[in-house]
Protein backbone atom coordinates (compact mmCIF):
# COMPACT_ATOMS: atom_id res chain seq x y z
CA MET A 1 -0.36 41.39 -117.81
CA ASP A 2 -3.50 42.05 -119.82
CA PRO A 3 -4.89 38.69 -121.00
CA ARG A 4 -5.34 40.04 -124.52
CA ILE A 5 -1.66 40.83 -124.74
CA LYS A 6 -0.79 37.38 -123.39
CA LEU A 7 -2.97 35.95 -126.14
CA ALA A 8 -1.23 38.14 -128.73
CA VAL A 9 2.18 36.84 -127.59
CA GLY A 10 0.81 33.29 -127.77
CA ILE A 11 -0.40 33.90 -131.31
CA MET A 12 3.04 35.23 -132.17
CA GLU A 13 4.77 32.15 -130.79
CA GLY A 14 2.32 29.73 -132.37
CA GLU A 15 2.41 31.32 -135.79
CA LEU A 16 6.07 32.24 -135.93
CA ASP A 17 6.44 30.98 -139.49
CA GLN A 18 3.66 33.22 -140.81
CA PRO A 19 3.64 36.95 -141.42
CA LEU A 20 1.63 38.60 -138.67
CA LEU A 21 0.21 42.05 -139.15
CA VAL A 22 -1.09 44.28 -136.40
CA SER A 23 -4.40 44.46 -138.24
CA LYS A 24 -4.88 40.68 -138.22
CA VAL A 25 -3.89 40.19 -134.60
CA SER A 26 -6.02 43.10 -133.40
CA VAL A 27 -9.08 41.72 -135.22
CA ARG A 28 -8.53 38.32 -133.61
CA LEU A 29 -8.47 40.01 -130.22
CA GLY A 30 -11.54 42.12 -130.93
CA LEU A 31 -9.62 45.39 -130.65
CA SER A 32 -8.98 48.27 -132.99
CA GLU A 33 -5.42 48.50 -134.30
CA SER A 34 -4.73 51.65 -132.32
CA ARG A 35 -6.10 50.18 -129.08
CA PHE A 36 -4.10 47.00 -129.58
CA GLU A 37 -0.90 48.94 -130.31
CA HIS A 38 -1.47 51.10 -127.23
CA LEU A 39 -2.08 48.10 -124.95
CA PHE A 40 0.83 46.17 -126.41
CA ARG A 41 3.26 49.04 -125.93
CA LYS A 42 1.96 49.64 -122.39
CA GLU A 43 2.33 45.97 -121.36
CA ILE A 44 5.47 44.98 -123.30
CA GLY A 45 7.28 48.30 -123.61
CA GLN A 46 7.74 48.06 -127.37
CA ALA A 47 5.70 48.35 -130.51
CA PHE A 48 4.24 45.05 -131.75
CA LYS A 49 6.28 45.10 -134.96
CA THR A 50 9.55 45.74 -133.09
CA TYR A 51 8.84 43.01 -130.55
CA MET A 52 7.84 40.58 -133.30
CA GLU A 53 11.05 41.16 -135.26
CA GLU A 54 13.24 40.77 -132.17
CA PHE A 55 11.35 37.63 -131.15
CA ARG A 56 11.82 36.09 -134.62
CA LEU A 57 15.53 36.91 -134.68
CA ARG A 58 16.10 35.45 -131.19
CA LYS A 59 14.41 32.22 -132.26
CA ALA A 60 16.45 32.14 -135.44
CA LYS A 61 19.68 32.65 -133.54
CA GLY A 62 18.89 29.59 -131.44
CA MET A 63 18.01 27.56 -134.51
CA LEU A 64 21.31 28.40 -136.23
CA ILE A 65 23.13 26.11 -133.79
CA ASP A 66 21.75 23.17 -135.78
CA PRO A 67 24.19 22.77 -138.70
CA THR A 68 21.70 20.60 -140.61
CA LEU A 69 19.34 23.55 -141.09
CA ARG A 70 20.02 25.78 -144.06
CA ILE A 71 19.76 29.51 -143.54
CA LYS A 72 16.79 29.58 -145.93
CA GLN A 73 15.04 27.01 -143.73
CA VAL A 74 15.69 29.02 -140.58
CA ALA A 75 14.46 32.19 -142.29
CA ALA A 76 11.24 30.47 -143.38
CA ALA A 77 10.73 28.92 -139.95
CA VAL A 78 10.69 32.36 -138.34
CA GLY A 79 8.43 33.98 -140.91
CA TYR A 80 10.75 35.45 -143.49
CA THR A 81 9.70 34.96 -147.10
CA TYR A 82 13.09 36.01 -148.44
CA ALA A 83 16.36 34.79 -146.94
CA ARG A 84 18.07 37.98 -148.10
CA ASN A 85 15.77 40.08 -145.86
CA PHE A 86 16.40 37.72 -142.97
CA THR A 87 20.16 38.01 -143.47
CA ARG A 88 19.94 41.82 -143.57
CA ASP A 89 17.81 42.04 -140.40
CA PHE A 90 19.93 39.47 -138.57
CA LYS A 91 23.13 41.33 -139.41
CA ASN A 92 21.60 44.65 -138.35
CA ARG A 93 20.56 43.13 -135.01
CA TYR A 94 23.62 41.02 -134.18
CA GLY A 95 26.42 42.66 -136.18
CA LYS A 96 27.21 39.62 -138.28
CA PRO A 97 25.35 37.54 -140.83
CA PRO A 98 23.64 34.28 -139.85
CA SER A 99 26.33 32.24 -141.59
CA GLN A 100 28.89 33.58 -139.10
CA SER A 101 26.61 32.96 -136.12
CA ARG A 102 26.32 29.21 -136.46
CA THR A 103 28.98 28.39 -133.89
CA SER A 104 27.81 30.57 -131.04
CA THR A 105 24.65 31.79 -129.37
CA GLU A 106 26.21 34.80 -127.66
């Protein structure tokens, strides 16, 4: 894998709780947005934004096992400013809202 894309994935994982834009990541890698998007899609097989959203939602799903964490806390921990947007995206991805996903990681 291209080392720049590995670095981009590392940035994603390390800054999960912050909004990450293609423009900011590409600048950090010294690439234009279009070049970064092209390389990312070539190496990962998805657009950066799509991969980022799926990555955040997978992490959130794992975090929901912990009953001491509120849904708002999980949403914030994976970079969502608004819990309502997190709930919508989670439901679109997994077919049920986060509140109904607390007991399983299927």
